[in-house]
Structures are given as C-alpha cells and as structure tokens.
C-alpha atoms as a PDB file:
ATOM      1  CA  ILE A   1       0.339 -23.826 -16.465  1.00  0.00           C
ATOM      2  CA  ALA A   2      -0.607 -25.188 -12.979  1.00  0.00           C
ATOM      3  CA  VAL A   3       2.152 -22.842 -11.303  1.00  0.00           C
ATOM      4  CA  MET A   4       0.683 -20.021 -13.213  1.00  0.00           C
ATOM      5  CA  PHE A   5      -2.873 -20.704 -12.484  1.00  0.00           C
ATOM      6  CA  LEU A   6      -2.078 -20.957  -8.810  1.00  0.00           C
ATOM      7  CA  THR A   7       0.045 -17.721  -8.831  1.00  0.00           C
ATOM      8  CA  THR A   8      -2.973 -15.894 -10.448  1.00  0.00           C
ATOM      9  CA  GLU A   9      -5.263 -17.080  -8.024  1.00  0.00           C
ATOM     10  CA  VAL A  10      -3.148 -16.033  -5.065  1.00  0.00           C
ATOM     11  CA  VAL A  11      -2.855 -12.561  -6.719  1.00  0.00           C
ATOM     12  CA  VAL A  12      -6.524 -12.167  -7.323  1.00  0.00           C
ATOM     13  CA  THR A  13      -7.218 -13.236  -3.694  1.00  0.00           C
ATOM     14  CA  ASP A  14      -4.294 -11.065  -2.374  1.00  0.00           C
ATOM     15  CA  LEU A  15      -4.802  -7.895  -4.436  1.00  0.00           C
ATOM     16  CA  PRO A  16      -7.717  -7.980  -6.783  1.00  0.00           C
ATOM     17  CA  GLU A  17      -6.934  -4.282  -7.653  1.00  0.00           C
ATOM     18  CA  LYS A  18      -3.660  -4.966  -9.014  1.00  0.00           C
ATOM     19  CA  LYS A  19      -4.700  -7.903 -10.762  1.00  0.00           C
ATOM     20  CA  ASP A  20      -7.637  -6.100 -12.381  1.00  0.00           C
ATOM     21  CA  ASP A  21      -4.995  -3.244 -13.673  1.00  0.00           C
ATOM     22  CA  LYS A  22      -2.637  -5.927 -14.897  1.00  0.00           C
ATOM     23  CA  MET A  23      -5.056  -8.351 -16.447  1.00  0.00           C
ATOM     24  CA  GLY A  24      -7.339  -5.630 -17.538  1.00  0.00           C
ATOM     25  CA  GLY A  25     -10.509  -6.642 -15.263  1.00  0.00           C
ATOM     26  CA  GLY A  26     -13.350  -8.663 -16.510  1.00  0.00           C
ATOM     27  CA  MET A  27     -11.339 -11.871 -16.857  1.00  0.00           C
ATOM     28  CA  PRO A  28     -11.983 -14.643 -14.225  1.00  0.00           C
ATOM     29  CA  PRO A  29      -9.028 -15.686 -11.885  1.00  0.00           C
ATOM     30  CA  GLY A  30      -6.837 -18.185 -13.755  1.00  0.00           C
ATOM     31  CA  MET A  31      -8.473 -17.663 -17.034  1.00  0.00           C
ATOM     32  CA  GLY A  32      -6.925 -14.205 -17.414  1.00  0.00           C
ATOM     33  CA  GLY A  33      -3.433 -15.611 -16.602  1.00  0.00           C
ATOM     34  CA  MET A  34      -3.949 -18.364 -19.098  1.00  0.00           C
ATOM     35  CA  ASP A  35      -4.991 -16.215 -21.792  1.00  0.00           C
ATOM     36  CA  TYR A  36      -2.036 -13.981 -21.351  1.00  0.00           C
END
C-alpha cells in the first residue's frame, strides 16, 4: 500500500490531469489509488 500511495502522490503532483482522468477526479491523492 505504501508504494501505491507514493506512486499515486507522485502522479498527482506530476500530472494532475492524467490522474484526474484515470481516477475520475474528485478523489484526494492516495485515497483514489487505495480505493481502486
């Protein structure tokens, strides 16, 4: 989970648009990755 959390945070900081499209937008960083 820690690795996923870190990866999600990095993606959010690097490309918020991509993360929004993948996670759906509206989910906080980390939470979205964990929820998925």
